[in-house]
N, C-alpha and C. Protein backbone atom coordinates (compact mmCIF):
# COMPACT_ATOMS: atom_id res chain seq x y z
N MET A 1 0.31 23.60 26.51
CA MET A 1 -0.80 22.74 26.14
C MET A 1 -0.95 21.67 27.23
N HIS A 2 -2.15 21.48 27.65
CA HIS A 2 -2.42 20.46 28.66
C HIS A 2 -2.25 19.08 28.05
N ARG A 3 -2.05 18.11 28.94
CA ARG A 3 -1.87 16.73 28.50
C ARG A 3 -3.08 16.21 27.73
N ASN A 4 -4.29 16.55 28.18
CA ASN A 4 -5.51 16.12 27.49
C ASN A 4 -5.60 16.73 26.10
N GLN A 5 -5.18 18.01 25.96
CA GLN A 5 -5.21 18.65 24.66
C GLN A 5 -4.20 18.01 23.71
N ALA A 6 -3.02 17.69 24.22
CA ALA A 6 -2.00 17.04 23.40
C ALA A 6 -2.50 15.66 22.95
N GLY A 7 -3.10 14.91 23.85
CA GLY A 7 -3.64 13.60 23.51
C GLY A 7 -4.76 13.71 22.50
N SER A 8 -5.63 14.70 22.68
CA SER A 8 -6.73 14.93 21.77
C SER A 8 -6.22 15.33 20.39
N SER A 9 -5.18 16.16 20.34
CA SER A 9 -4.60 16.58 19.08
C SER A 9 -4.00 15.39 18.34
N TRP A 10 -3.30 14.54 19.07
CA TRP A 10 -2.68 13.35 18.48
C TRP A 10 -3.76 12.44 17.91
N ILE A 11 -4.83 12.25 18.65
CA ILE A 11 -5.93 11.39 18.20
C ILE A 11 -6.59 11.98 16.95
N SER A 12 -6.80 13.30 16.94
CA SER A 12 -7.40 13.95 15.76
C SER A 12 -6.53 13.75 14.53
N LYS A 13 -5.23 13.94 14.68
CA LYS A 13 -4.32 13.75 13.54
C LYS A 13 -4.35 12.30 13.08
N ALA A 14 -4.37 11.36 14.01
CA ALA A 14 -4.39 9.94 13.65
C ALA A 14 -5.67 9.59 12.89
N ILE A 15 -6.79 10.13 13.32
CA ILE A 15 -8.07 9.87 12.65
C ILE A 15 -8.07 10.47 11.25
N VAL A 16 -7.64 11.73 11.13
CA VAL A 16 -7.60 12.39 9.82
C VAL A 16 -6.65 11.63 8.89
N TYR A 17 -5.48 11.28 9.40
CA TYR A 17 -4.49 10.56 8.60
C TYR A 17 -5.07 9.22 8.10
N THR A 18 -5.66 8.46 9.00
CA THR A 18 -6.20 7.15 8.65
C THR A 18 -7.35 7.26 7.66
N LEU A 19 -8.26 8.19 7.89
CA LEU A 19 -9.41 8.33 6.99
C LEU A 19 -8.99 8.81 5.61
N THR A 20 -8.05 9.76 5.55
CA THR A 20 -7.63 10.23 4.23
C THR A 20 -6.81 9.17 3.49
N ALA A 21 -6.06 8.35 4.22
CA ALA A 21 -5.34 7.25 3.57
C ALA A 21 -6.34 6.26 2.97
N GLY A 22 -7.37 5.93 3.73
CA GLY A 22 -8.42 5.04 3.23
C GLY A 22 -9.15 5.65 2.04
N LEU A 23 -9.44 6.95 2.11
CA LEU A 23 -10.13 7.66 1.02
C LEU A 23 -9.28 7.66 -0.25
N ALA A 24 -7.98 7.88 -0.10
CA ALA A 24 -7.08 7.86 -1.26
C ALA A 24 -7.11 6.48 -1.93
N GLY A 25 -7.06 5.43 -1.12
CA GLY A 25 -7.13 4.08 -1.66
C GLY A 25 -8.46 3.80 -2.34
N LEU A 26 -9.55 4.18 -1.68
CA LEU A 26 -10.88 3.98 -2.27
C LEU A 26 -11.00 4.67 -3.62
N THR A 27 -10.55 5.91 -3.68
CA THR A 27 -10.66 6.70 -4.91
C THR A 27 -9.80 6.09 -6.02
N ALA A 28 -8.55 5.79 -5.70
CA ALA A 28 -7.65 5.20 -6.70
C ALA A 28 -8.21 3.87 -7.20
N GLY A 29 -8.70 3.05 -6.28
CA GLY A 29 -9.24 1.74 -6.67
C GLY A 29 -10.49 1.87 -7.53
N ALA A 30 -11.37 2.80 -7.17
CA ALA A 30 -12.59 3.00 -7.97
C ALA A 30 -12.24 3.49 -9.37
N LEU A 31 -11.26 4.39 -9.45
CA LEU A 31 -10.85 4.88 -10.77
C LEU A 31 -10.21 3.78 -11.61
N LEU A 32 -9.33 2.99 -10.98
CA LEU A 32 -8.72 1.88 -11.71
C LEU A 32 -9.76 0.85 -12.14
N GLY A 33 -10.71 0.56 -11.26
CA GLY A 33 -11.79 -0.37 -11.61
C GLY A 33 -12.63 0.15 -12.75
N THR A 34 -12.86 1.45 -12.79
CA THR A 34 -13.64 2.06 -13.87
C THR A 34 -12.88 1.97 -15.19
N VAL A 35 -11.59 2.28 -15.15
CA VAL A 35 -10.76 2.16 -16.37
C VAL A 35 -10.72 0.70 -16.82
N GLY A 36 -10.55 -0.21 -15.88
CA GLY A 36 -10.53 -1.62 -16.22
C GLY A 36 -11.84 -2.08 -16.86
N ASP A 37 -12.94 -1.52 -16.41
CA ASP A 37 -14.25 -1.87 -16.95
C ASP A 37 -14.36 -1.47 -18.42
N LEU A 38 -13.60 -0.46 -18.83
CA LEU A 38 -13.61 0.00 -20.22
C LEU A 38 -12.80 -0.92 -21.14
N LEU A 39 -11.93 -1.73 -20.55
CA LEU A 39 -11.08 -2.63 -21.33
C LEU A 39 -11.83 -3.93 -21.60
N PRO A 40 -11.63 -4.51 -22.78
CA PRO A 40 -12.29 -5.79 -23.07
C PRO A 40 -11.81 -6.89 -22.10
N LEU A 41 -12.71 -7.78 -21.76
CA LEU A 41 -12.39 -8.87 -20.84
C LEU A 41 -11.23 -9.71 -21.36
N ASP A 42 -11.20 -9.99 -22.65
CA ASP A 42 -10.10 -10.79 -23.21
C ASP A 42 -8.75 -10.13 -22.97
N LEU A 43 -8.69 -8.83 -23.13
CA LEU A 43 -7.44 -8.10 -22.89
C LEU A 43 -7.04 -8.19 -21.42
N ARG A 44 -8.01 -7.99 -20.53
CA ARG A 44 -7.71 -8.08 -19.09
C ARG A 44 -7.22 -9.47 -18.71
N LEU A 45 -7.84 -10.51 -19.28
CA LEU A 45 -7.40 -11.88 -19.01
C LEU A 45 -6.00 -12.14 -19.55
N ALA A 46 -5.70 -11.64 -20.74
CA ALA A 46 -4.37 -11.83 -21.32
C ALA A 46 -3.31 -11.11 -20.48
N VAL A 47 -3.58 -9.88 -20.11
CA VAL A 47 -2.63 -9.12 -19.28
C VAL A 47 -2.47 -9.80 -17.93
N GLY A 48 -3.57 -10.25 -17.34
CA GLY A 48 -3.51 -10.97 -16.07
C GLY A 48 -2.68 -12.24 -16.17
N SER A 49 -2.81 -12.95 -17.28
CA SER A 49 -2.04 -14.18 -17.49
C SER A 49 -0.55 -13.88 -17.54
N VAL A 50 -0.17 -12.89 -18.32
CA VAL A 50 1.24 -12.52 -18.45
C VAL A 50 1.78 -12.05 -17.10
N LEU A 51 1.03 -11.21 -16.43
CA LEU A 51 1.49 -10.69 -15.13
C LEU A 51 1.55 -11.77 -14.06
N ALA A 52 0.68 -12.78 -14.16
CA ALA A 52 0.75 -13.91 -13.22
C ALA A 52 2.07 -14.64 -13.36
N VAL A 53 2.47 -14.90 -14.60
CA VAL A 53 3.75 -15.57 -14.85
C VAL A 53 4.91 -14.69 -14.37
N VAL A 54 4.84 -13.40 -14.66
CA VAL A 54 5.89 -12.46 -14.21
C VAL A 54 5.97 -12.45 -12.68
N ALA A 55 4.83 -12.42 -12.02
CA ALA A 55 4.81 -12.42 -10.54
C ALA A 55 5.45 -13.68 -9.99
N ILE A 56 5.15 -14.81 -10.58
CA ILE A 56 5.73 -16.08 -10.11
C ILE A 56 7.25 -16.06 -10.30
N ILE A 57 7.69 -15.64 -11.47
CA ILE A 57 9.14 -15.59 -11.76
C ILE A 57 9.84 -14.63 -10.81
N LEU A 58 9.32 -13.42 -10.66
CA LEU A 58 9.94 -12.44 -9.77
C LEU A 58 9.91 -12.90 -8.32
N GLY A 59 8.82 -13.51 -7.92
CA GLY A 59 8.73 -14.04 -6.55
C GLY A 59 9.76 -15.12 -6.29
N VAL A 60 9.94 -16.02 -7.25
CA VAL A 60 10.94 -17.09 -7.11
C VAL A 60 12.34 -16.48 -7.04
N LEU A 61 12.63 -15.52 -7.91
CA LEU A 61 13.94 -14.86 -7.87
C LEU A 61 14.20 -14.23 -6.50
N GLU A 62 13.20 -13.52 -6.00
CA GLU A 62 13.32 -12.90 -4.66
C GLU A 62 13.51 -13.97 -3.59
N LEU A 63 12.74 -15.02 -3.70
CA LEU A 63 12.81 -16.10 -2.72
C LEU A 63 14.21 -16.71 -2.65
N PHE A 64 14.87 -16.76 -3.78
CA PHE A 64 16.21 -17.35 -3.82
C PHE A 64 17.32 -16.31 -3.73
N GLY A 65 17.00 -15.14 -3.20
CA GLY A 65 18.03 -14.17 -2.87
C GLY A 65 18.35 -13.12 -3.91
N ARG A 66 17.68 -13.11 -5.01
CA ARG A 66 17.92 -12.08 -6.02
C ARG A 66 17.02 -10.89 -5.72
N ARG A 67 17.58 -9.85 -5.13
CA ARG A 67 16.79 -8.68 -4.74
C ARG A 67 16.40 -7.89 -5.97
N ILE A 68 15.10 -7.68 -6.15
CA ILE A 68 14.59 -6.90 -7.28
C ILE A 68 13.94 -5.65 -6.70
N SER A 69 14.51 -4.51 -7.03
CA SER A 69 13.98 -3.25 -6.53
C SER A 69 12.74 -2.86 -7.33
N PRO A 70 11.65 -2.59 -6.64
CA PRO A 70 10.44 -2.21 -7.36
C PRO A 70 10.59 -0.81 -7.96
N PRO A 71 10.04 -0.59 -9.15
CA PRO A 71 10.01 0.77 -9.69
C PRO A 71 9.20 1.65 -8.73
N GLN A 72 9.75 2.79 -8.37
CA GLN A 72 9.09 3.63 -7.38
C GLN A 72 9.69 5.02 -7.37
N PHE A 73 9.00 5.94 -6.68
CA PHE A 73 9.52 7.28 -6.49
C PHE A 73 10.56 7.30 -5.38
N ASP A 74 10.47 6.35 -4.44
CA ASP A 74 11.43 6.21 -3.35
C ASP A 74 11.69 7.54 -2.64
N CYS A 75 10.64 8.14 -2.13
CA CYS A 75 10.81 9.43 -1.46
C CYS A 75 9.89 9.52 -0.25
N GLU A 76 10.26 10.42 0.61
CA GLU A 76 9.43 10.75 1.77
C GLU A 76 8.48 11.87 1.38
N THR A 77 7.44 12.07 2.17
CA THR A 77 6.58 13.23 1.94
C THR A 77 7.36 14.49 2.33
N PRO A 78 7.09 15.61 1.68
CA PRO A 78 7.85 16.83 1.94
C PRO A 78 7.75 17.32 3.39
N GLN A 79 8.87 17.70 3.94
CA GLN A 79 8.91 18.21 5.32
C GLN A 79 8.13 19.53 5.45
N ARG A 80 8.05 20.30 4.37
CA ARG A 80 7.35 21.59 4.45
C ARG A 80 5.87 21.43 4.79
N TRP A 81 5.31 20.24 4.55
CA TRP A 81 3.91 20.01 4.88
C TRP A 81 3.66 20.13 6.38
N VAL A 82 4.68 19.85 7.18
CA VAL A 82 4.54 19.91 8.64
C VAL A 82 4.14 21.32 9.07
N HIS A 83 4.60 22.32 8.33
CA HIS A 83 4.36 23.72 8.72
C HIS A 83 3.01 24.25 8.25
N LYS A 84 2.22 23.43 7.63
CA LYS A 84 0.89 23.83 7.16
C LYS A 84 -0.21 23.60 8.20
N GLY A 85 0.17 23.12 9.36
CA GLY A 85 -0.80 22.82 10.41
C GLY A 85 -0.96 21.32 10.55
N PRO A 86 -1.25 20.87 11.76
CA PRO A 86 -1.27 19.43 12.02
C PRO A 86 -2.33 18.65 11.24
N LEU A 87 -3.51 19.19 11.08
CA LEU A 87 -4.55 18.44 10.37
C LEU A 87 -4.33 18.46 8.86
N ARG A 88 -3.82 19.58 8.34
CA ARG A 88 -3.49 19.61 6.90
C ARG A 88 -2.33 18.67 6.61
N TRP A 89 -1.34 18.64 7.52
CA TRP A 89 -0.22 17.72 7.35
C TRP A 89 -0.73 16.27 7.37
N ALA A 90 -1.59 15.96 8.33
CA ALA A 90 -2.11 14.59 8.45
C ALA A 90 -2.91 14.21 7.21
N SER A 91 -3.71 15.14 6.70
CA SER A 91 -4.52 14.80 5.52
C SER A 91 -3.65 14.65 4.28
N ARG A 92 -2.65 15.51 4.09
CA ARG A 92 -1.77 15.37 2.92
C ARG A 92 -0.96 14.08 2.99
N ASN A 93 -0.42 13.79 4.17
CA ASN A 93 0.33 12.54 4.33
C ASN A 93 -0.57 11.34 4.11
N GLY A 94 -1.76 11.37 4.68
CA GLY A 94 -2.70 10.26 4.52
C GLY A 94 -3.05 10.01 3.06
N LEU A 95 -3.34 11.10 2.32
CA LEU A 95 -3.68 10.96 0.91
C LEU A 95 -2.50 10.39 0.12
N THR A 96 -1.31 10.89 0.40
CA THR A 96 -0.13 10.45 -0.34
C THR A 96 0.21 9.00 -0.05
N LEU A 97 0.21 8.64 1.23
CA LEU A 97 0.61 7.28 1.59
C LEU A 97 -0.51 6.28 1.34
N GLY A 98 -1.75 6.70 1.42
CA GLY A 98 -2.86 5.80 1.10
C GLY A 98 -2.91 5.46 -0.37
N PHE A 99 -2.48 6.41 -1.22
CA PHE A 99 -2.37 6.15 -2.65
C PHE A 99 -1.19 5.22 -2.91
N GLY A 100 -0.09 5.46 -2.22
CA GLY A 100 1.05 4.55 -2.24
C GLY A 100 2.04 4.73 -3.37
N ALA A 101 1.58 4.98 -4.57
CA ALA A 101 2.48 5.03 -5.72
C ALA A 101 3.40 6.25 -5.69
N THR A 102 3.08 7.25 -4.91
CA THR A 102 3.88 8.47 -4.86
C THR A 102 4.87 8.48 -3.71
N SER A 103 5.08 7.35 -3.09
CA SER A 103 6.01 7.27 -1.97
C SER A 103 6.86 6.01 -2.11
N ARG A 104 7.57 5.67 -1.08
CA ARG A 104 8.45 4.50 -1.10
C ARG A 104 7.62 3.21 -1.07
N ILE A 105 7.98 2.29 -1.96
CA ILE A 105 7.32 0.98 -2.04
C ILE A 105 8.38 -0.06 -1.71
N GLY A 106 8.17 -0.82 -0.66
CA GLY A 106 9.20 -1.73 -0.20
C GLY A 106 9.29 -3.05 -0.94
N PHE A 107 8.18 -3.51 -1.49
CA PHE A 107 8.15 -4.85 -2.06
C PHE A 107 7.35 -4.87 -3.36
N LEU A 108 7.74 -5.75 -4.26
CA LEU A 108 7.01 -5.91 -5.52
C LEU A 108 5.55 -6.30 -5.29
N LEU A 109 5.28 -6.94 -4.17
CA LEU A 109 3.91 -7.37 -3.86
C LEU A 109 2.92 -6.20 -3.91
N TRP A 110 3.38 -4.98 -3.63
CA TRP A 110 2.48 -3.83 -3.64
C TRP A 110 1.76 -3.70 -4.98
N TYR A 111 2.43 -4.05 -6.07
CA TYR A 111 1.84 -3.86 -7.39
C TYR A 111 0.62 -4.73 -7.64
N VAL A 112 0.43 -5.75 -6.82
CA VAL A 112 -0.77 -6.58 -6.93
C VAL A 112 -2.02 -5.73 -6.67
N ILE A 113 -1.90 -4.73 -5.83
CA ILE A 113 -3.05 -3.90 -5.44
C ILE A 113 -3.60 -3.10 -6.62
N PRO A 114 -2.81 -2.19 -7.21
CA PRO A 114 -3.38 -1.42 -8.32
C PRO A 114 -3.67 -2.28 -9.56
N ILE A 115 -2.82 -3.27 -9.82
CA ILE A 115 -3.05 -4.12 -10.99
C ILE A 115 -4.34 -4.93 -10.79
N GLY A 116 -4.54 -5.45 -9.60
CA GLY A 116 -5.77 -6.18 -9.31
C GLY A 116 -7.00 -5.30 -9.43
N ALA A 117 -6.90 -4.08 -8.90
CA ALA A 117 -8.03 -3.14 -8.98
C ALA A 117 -8.37 -2.84 -10.44
N LEU A 118 -7.36 -2.73 -11.28
CA LEU A 118 -7.58 -2.45 -12.70
C LEU A 118 -8.14 -3.67 -13.43
N LEU A 119 -7.50 -4.83 -13.24
CA LEU A 119 -7.87 -6.00 -14.04
C LEU A 119 -9.20 -6.63 -13.65
N PHE A 120 -9.65 -6.42 -12.42
CA PHE A 120 -10.98 -6.92 -12.08
C PHE A 120 -12.04 -6.17 -12.86
N GLY A 121 -11.76 -4.92 -13.18
CA GLY A 121 -12.67 -4.15 -14.03
C GLY A 121 -13.99 -3.82 -13.39
N ARG A 122 -14.01 -3.73 -12.08
CA ARG A 122 -15.24 -3.38 -11.36
C ARG A 122 -14.89 -2.29 -10.34
N PRO A 123 -15.48 -1.11 -10.47
CA PRO A 123 -15.14 0.00 -9.57
C PRO A 123 -15.31 -0.33 -8.08
N ILE A 124 -16.35 -1.04 -7.73
CA ILE A 124 -16.56 -1.36 -6.31
C ILE A 124 -15.50 -2.32 -5.81
N LEU A 125 -15.15 -3.31 -6.60
CA LEU A 125 -14.10 -4.25 -6.20
C LEU A 125 -12.74 -3.56 -6.16
N GLY A 126 -12.48 -2.69 -7.14
CA GLY A 126 -11.24 -1.91 -7.13
C GLY A 126 -11.13 -1.04 -5.89
N ALA A 127 -12.24 -0.37 -5.55
CA ALA A 127 -12.26 0.47 -4.36
C ALA A 127 -12.05 -0.35 -3.09
N THR A 128 -12.61 -1.53 -3.06
CA THR A 128 -12.45 -2.41 -1.89
C THR A 128 -11.00 -2.86 -1.74
N ILE A 129 -10.39 -3.29 -2.85
CA ILE A 129 -9.01 -3.77 -2.81
C ILE A 129 -8.06 -2.66 -2.39
N TYR A 130 -8.10 -1.56 -3.12
CA TYR A 130 -7.17 -0.46 -2.88
C TYR A 130 -7.53 0.29 -1.59
N GLY A 131 -8.81 0.43 -1.31
CA GLY A 131 -9.24 1.09 -0.08
C GLY A 131 -8.78 0.35 1.16
N THR A 132 -8.81 -0.98 1.10
CA THR A 132 -8.31 -1.78 2.22
C THR A 132 -6.83 -1.52 2.43
N TYR A 133 -6.07 -1.47 1.33
CA TYR A 133 -4.64 -1.14 1.43
C TYR A 133 -4.46 0.23 2.09
N GLY A 134 -5.16 1.25 1.58
CA GLY A 134 -5.01 2.59 2.13
C GLY A 134 -5.37 2.67 3.59
N LEU A 135 -6.45 1.99 3.97
CA LEU A 135 -6.87 2.00 5.36
C LEU A 135 -5.85 1.30 6.26
N ILE A 136 -5.32 0.18 5.81
CA ILE A 136 -4.32 -0.54 6.61
C ILE A 136 -3.05 0.31 6.74
N ARG A 137 -2.64 0.92 5.64
CA ARG A 137 -1.45 1.78 5.72
C ARG A 137 -1.73 2.98 6.61
N GLY A 138 -2.95 3.47 6.57
CA GLY A 138 -3.31 4.60 7.42
C GLY A 138 -3.34 4.24 8.89
N VAL A 139 -3.80 3.06 9.23
CA VAL A 139 -3.87 2.61 10.62
C VAL A 139 -2.48 2.27 11.15
N ALA A 140 -1.60 1.80 10.27
CA ALA A 140 -0.28 1.34 10.70
C ALA A 140 0.55 2.44 11.36
N ALA A 141 0.56 3.63 10.79
CA ALA A 141 1.41 4.70 11.32
C ALA A 141 1.03 5.09 12.76
N PRO A 142 -0.24 5.33 13.06
CA PRO A 142 -0.57 5.63 14.47
C PRO A 142 -0.26 4.45 15.40
N LEU A 143 -0.43 3.23 14.92
CA LEU A 143 -0.10 2.08 15.76
C LEU A 143 1.41 1.99 16.03
N ILE A 144 2.21 2.30 15.02
CA ILE A 144 3.67 2.31 15.21
C ILE A 144 4.04 3.40 16.21
N LEU A 145 3.45 4.58 16.07
CA LEU A 145 3.73 5.68 17.01
C LEU A 145 3.29 5.30 18.42
N LEU A 146 2.13 4.70 18.54
CA LEU A 146 1.65 4.26 19.85
C LEU A 146 2.60 3.23 20.44
N GLY A 147 3.07 2.30 19.62
CA GLY A 147 4.04 1.31 20.09
C GLY A 147 5.32 1.95 20.55
N THR A 148 5.75 2.99 19.82
CA THR A 148 6.96 3.71 20.20
C THR A 148 6.78 4.38 21.55
N LEU A 149 5.62 4.99 21.77
CA LEU A 149 5.36 5.67 23.04
C LEU A 149 5.25 4.67 24.20
N ARG A 150 4.59 3.56 23.96
CA ARG A 150 4.39 2.55 25.02
C ARG A 150 5.69 1.81 25.35
N LEU A 151 6.44 1.45 24.32
CA LEU A 151 7.65 0.66 24.54
C LEU A 151 8.87 1.54 24.82
N LYS A 152 8.71 2.84 24.62
CA LYS A 152 9.82 3.79 24.77
C LYS A 152 11.02 3.37 23.92
N ALA A 153 10.71 2.86 22.73
CA ALA A 153 11.72 2.46 21.76
C ALA A 153 11.18 2.83 20.38
N ASP A 154 12.05 3.08 19.45
CA ASP A 154 11.62 3.47 18.11
C ASP A 154 11.24 2.24 17.30
N VAL A 155 9.95 1.97 17.25
CA VAL A 155 9.43 0.81 16.54
C VAL A 155 9.70 0.93 15.04
N SER A 156 9.60 2.15 14.49
CA SER A 156 9.81 2.31 13.06
C SER A 156 11.24 1.96 12.67
N ASP A 157 12.22 2.33 13.51
CA ASP A 157 13.62 1.95 13.24
C ASP A 157 13.76 0.43 13.26
N TRP A 158 13.10 -0.22 14.21
CA TRP A 158 13.17 -1.68 14.31
C TRP A 158 12.58 -2.31 13.04
N LEU A 159 11.45 -1.78 12.57
CA LEU A 159 10.82 -2.32 11.37
C LEU A 159 11.73 -2.16 10.15
N VAL A 160 12.35 -0.98 10.02
CA VAL A 160 13.25 -0.75 8.89
C VAL A 160 14.46 -1.69 8.97
N MET A 161 15.01 -1.85 10.17
CA MET A 161 16.17 -2.72 10.35
C MET A 161 15.84 -4.18 10.03
N HIS A 162 14.59 -4.57 10.18
CA HIS A 162 14.19 -5.95 9.94
C HIS A 162 13.42 -6.13 8.63
N SER A 163 13.45 -5.14 7.76
CA SER A 163 12.69 -5.23 6.51
C SER A 163 13.22 -6.35 5.61
N GLU A 164 14.52 -6.63 5.68
CA GLU A 164 15.07 -7.71 4.86
C GLU A 164 14.45 -9.05 5.24
N ALA A 165 14.11 -9.23 6.51
CA ALA A 165 13.49 -10.48 6.95
C ALA A 165 12.11 -10.67 6.31
N MET A 166 11.50 -9.59 5.86
CA MET A 166 10.18 -9.66 5.25
C MET A 166 10.24 -10.03 3.76
N ARG A 167 11.44 -10.02 3.19
CA ARG A 167 11.55 -10.35 1.76
C ARG A 167 11.01 -11.73 1.44
N VAL A 168 11.32 -12.71 2.26
CA VAL A 168 10.88 -14.08 1.99
C VAL A 168 9.35 -14.19 2.06
N PRO A 169 8.71 -13.73 3.13
CA PRO A 169 7.23 -13.83 3.14
C PRO A 169 6.57 -13.02 2.03
N MET A 170 7.12 -11.85 1.70
CA MET A 170 6.56 -11.04 0.61
C MET A 170 6.73 -11.75 -0.74
N ALA A 171 7.90 -12.36 -0.96
CA ALA A 171 8.12 -13.12 -2.19
C ALA A 171 7.16 -14.30 -2.26
N GLY A 172 6.96 -14.98 -1.14
CA GLY A 172 6.02 -16.09 -1.10
C GLY A 172 4.60 -15.66 -1.42
N GLN A 173 4.21 -14.51 -0.90
CA GLN A 173 2.86 -14.00 -1.19
C GLN A 173 2.74 -13.58 -2.65
N LEU A 174 3.80 -13.03 -3.22
CA LEU A 174 3.79 -12.67 -4.63
C LEU A 174 3.62 -13.92 -5.50
N ILE A 175 4.32 -14.98 -5.14
CA ILE A 175 4.18 -16.24 -5.87
C ILE A 175 2.76 -16.77 -5.74
N LEU A 176 2.20 -16.75 -4.54
CA LEU A 176 0.84 -17.23 -4.33
C LEU A 176 -0.17 -16.40 -5.13
N ALA A 177 0.04 -15.07 -5.16
CA ALA A 177 -0.86 -14.21 -5.94
C ALA A 177 -0.77 -14.57 -7.42
N GLY A 178 0.46 -14.79 -7.92
CA GLY A 178 0.63 -15.18 -9.31
C GLY A 178 -0.03 -16.51 -9.62
N VAL A 179 0.13 -17.47 -8.73
CA VAL A 179 -0.51 -18.78 -8.92
C VAL A 179 -2.03 -18.65 -8.89
N ALA A 180 -2.55 -17.87 -7.96
CA ALA A 180 -4.00 -17.69 -7.86
C ALA A 180 -4.57 -17.07 -9.15
N VAL A 181 -3.88 -16.08 -9.68
CA VAL A 181 -4.34 -15.46 -10.93
C VAL A 181 -4.23 -16.47 -12.08
N ALA A 182 -3.13 -17.21 -12.13
CA ALA A 182 -2.95 -18.21 -13.19
C ALA A 182 -4.09 -19.25 -13.15
N VAL A 183 -4.45 -19.69 -11.96
CA VAL A 183 -5.54 -20.65 -11.82
C VAL A 183 -6.87 -20.01 -12.24
N ALA A 184 -7.08 -18.75 -11.80
CA ALA A 184 -8.34 -18.08 -12.10
C ALA A 184 -8.54 -17.84 -13.59
N VAL A 185 -7.46 -17.54 -14.31
CA VAL A 185 -7.60 -17.30 -15.75
C VAL A 185 -7.44 -18.56 -16.57
N GLY A 186 -7.12 -19.66 -15.92
CA GLY A 186 -7.05 -20.94 -16.59
C GLY A 186 -5.76 -21.23 -17.34
N LEU A 187 -4.66 -20.73 -16.81
CA LEU A 187 -3.37 -21.04 -17.45
C LEU A 187 -3.01 -22.50 -17.28
């Protein structure tokens, strides 16, 4: 394979991966927003209030060193997908990781995305919230790979080795999200 073909193949996979990750997020968010729209506003406000307090408490615990593992599948995408062809592999990985709930979740903060999409109760807003997550997660992988190629170092290993350093900012963001919801619902 010529160098241009290899580069073109890599770019095609990155585009497919990114777009399907964004599509998975958009779809999940729109569905959650639709389900949320079926729930009474009072119920959504009550659930939001309780979850705001829970987010603040969990964020504070994390901030002060109490590691709380998020409920998750904690798994990688199946290796057998690689043998289905590069674009099918990219699309399956993109859909799985853009949805997020079927793979490893590093921080409790992730739950703000689907819960927010549901509790806002608006399909377009849900799609925007979750779709943004999927698109960012989709863009991140090709950028990490590009960084690895440019720096000739494994950027993903570096990120995993430094994930503990992200606990404090993630806990802080979880607390801020909880406070913002508490203020919005009038706690």
